[in-house]
Protein backbone atom coordinates (compact mmCIF):
# COMPACT_ATOMS: atom_id res chain seq x y z
CA MET A 1 40.39 83.25 44.04
CA TRP A 2 39.49 79.63 45.28
CA PRO A 3 36.74 81.01 48.26
CA VAL A 4 35.03 82.23 45.27
CA ALA A 5 34.95 79.48 43.16
CA ILE A 6 34.35 76.94 46.07
CA THR A 7 31.72 79.08 47.29
CA ALA A 8 29.80 79.16 43.43
CA LEU A 9 30.40 75.71 43.51
CA GLY A 10 28.43 75.63 46.54
CA VAL A 11 25.55 78.08 45.32
CA LEU A 12 25.16 75.78 42.35
CA PHE A 13 24.69 72.26 43.96
CA LEU A 14 22.33 74.23 46.30
CA LEU A 15 20.33 75.97 43.21
CA GLY A 16 20.48 72.17 41.77
CA GLU A 17 18.86 70.83 44.99
CA LEU A 18 15.90 73.28 45.69
CA ASN A 19 14.87 73.49 41.97
CA GLY A 20 16.14 70.57 39.91
CA GLY A 21 15.25 70.93 36.39
CA ARG A 22 16.38 73.95 34.72
CA LEU A 23 18.91 74.59 37.65
CA SER A 24 20.55 71.78 37.86
CA PHE A 25 24.17 71.44 38.32
CA ALA A 26 24.79 69.75 34.72
CA ASN A 27 22.77 72.85 33.41
CA THR A 28 24.84 75.50 35.16
CA PHE A 29 28.54 73.99 35.62
CA PRO A 30 29.57 76.69 32.79
CA VAL A 31 29.26 79.58 35.50
CA MET A 32 32.21 78.14 37.43
CA PHE A 33 34.25 78.82 34.22
CA ILE A 34 32.97 82.34 33.73
CA VAL A 35 33.54 82.60 38.25
CA ILE A 36 36.91 81.47 37.78
CA GLY A 37 37.63 83.31 34.49
CA THR A 38 36.41 86.35 36.10
CA MET A 39 38.55 86.12 39.42
CA LEU A 40 41.58 85.60 37.18
CA VAL A 41 41.10 88.75 34.94
CA ALA A 42 40.32 90.84 37.91
CA SER A 43 43.42 89.55 39.94
CA ALA A 44 45.75 90.08 36.69
CA LEU A 45 44.12 93.98 36.52
CA ALA A 46 44.29 94.42 40.30
CA PRO A 47 47.09 96.77 40.91
CA VAL A 48 49.99 96.12 42.86
CA GLU A 49 50.87 99.08 44.48
CA GLY A 50 50.40 99.49 48.58
CA HIS A 51 50.44 96.14 49.18
CA LEU A 52 52.72 94.12 51.20
CA GLU A 53 55.36 91.66 50.32
CA SER A 54 55.28 88.94 52.13
CA GLN A 55 58.58 88.99 54.28
CA ALA A 56 59.51 87.26 57.41
CA PRO A 57 58.82 89.94 60.39
CA GLN A 58 62.25 91.67 61.79
CA ALA A 59 62.76 91.35 65.27
CA ALA A 60 62.75 94.10 67.21
CA ALA A 61 65.57 95.61 68.62
CA THR A 62 66.81 94.33 72.41
CA PRO A 63 67.69 96.73 74.74
CA PRO A 64 70.78 96.94 76.51
CA ALA A 65 71.69 94.19 79.40
CA TYR A 66 71.64 95.46 82.56
CA SER A 67 74.51 95.88 84.21
CA ALA A 68 74.73 96.05 87.80
CA SER A 69 78.53 97.94 87.66
CA ALA A 70 76.57 100.48 85.68
CA PRO A 71 76.85 104.21 87.17
CA GLY A 72 73.34 105.07 88.69
CA PRO A 73 71.92 108.90 88.85
CA ARG A 74 74.37 111.46 89.54
CA GLN A 75 73.65 113.30 93.48
């Protein structure tokens, strides 16, 4: 959510610098509330099925240690 909010904030500042007047940040800051609210609603309505839970990765099974006394292939 925060990357979208920061991008929207940057766009609003850019519009204020380029055009000024009607598109200054003082007139367009409510857009930030709309963006944040939309992202909160979207994240609340998003399905959770199919997502992986944040768990520590499990270590792979280690192969048995090599032993010089292990019998070799039979002839």
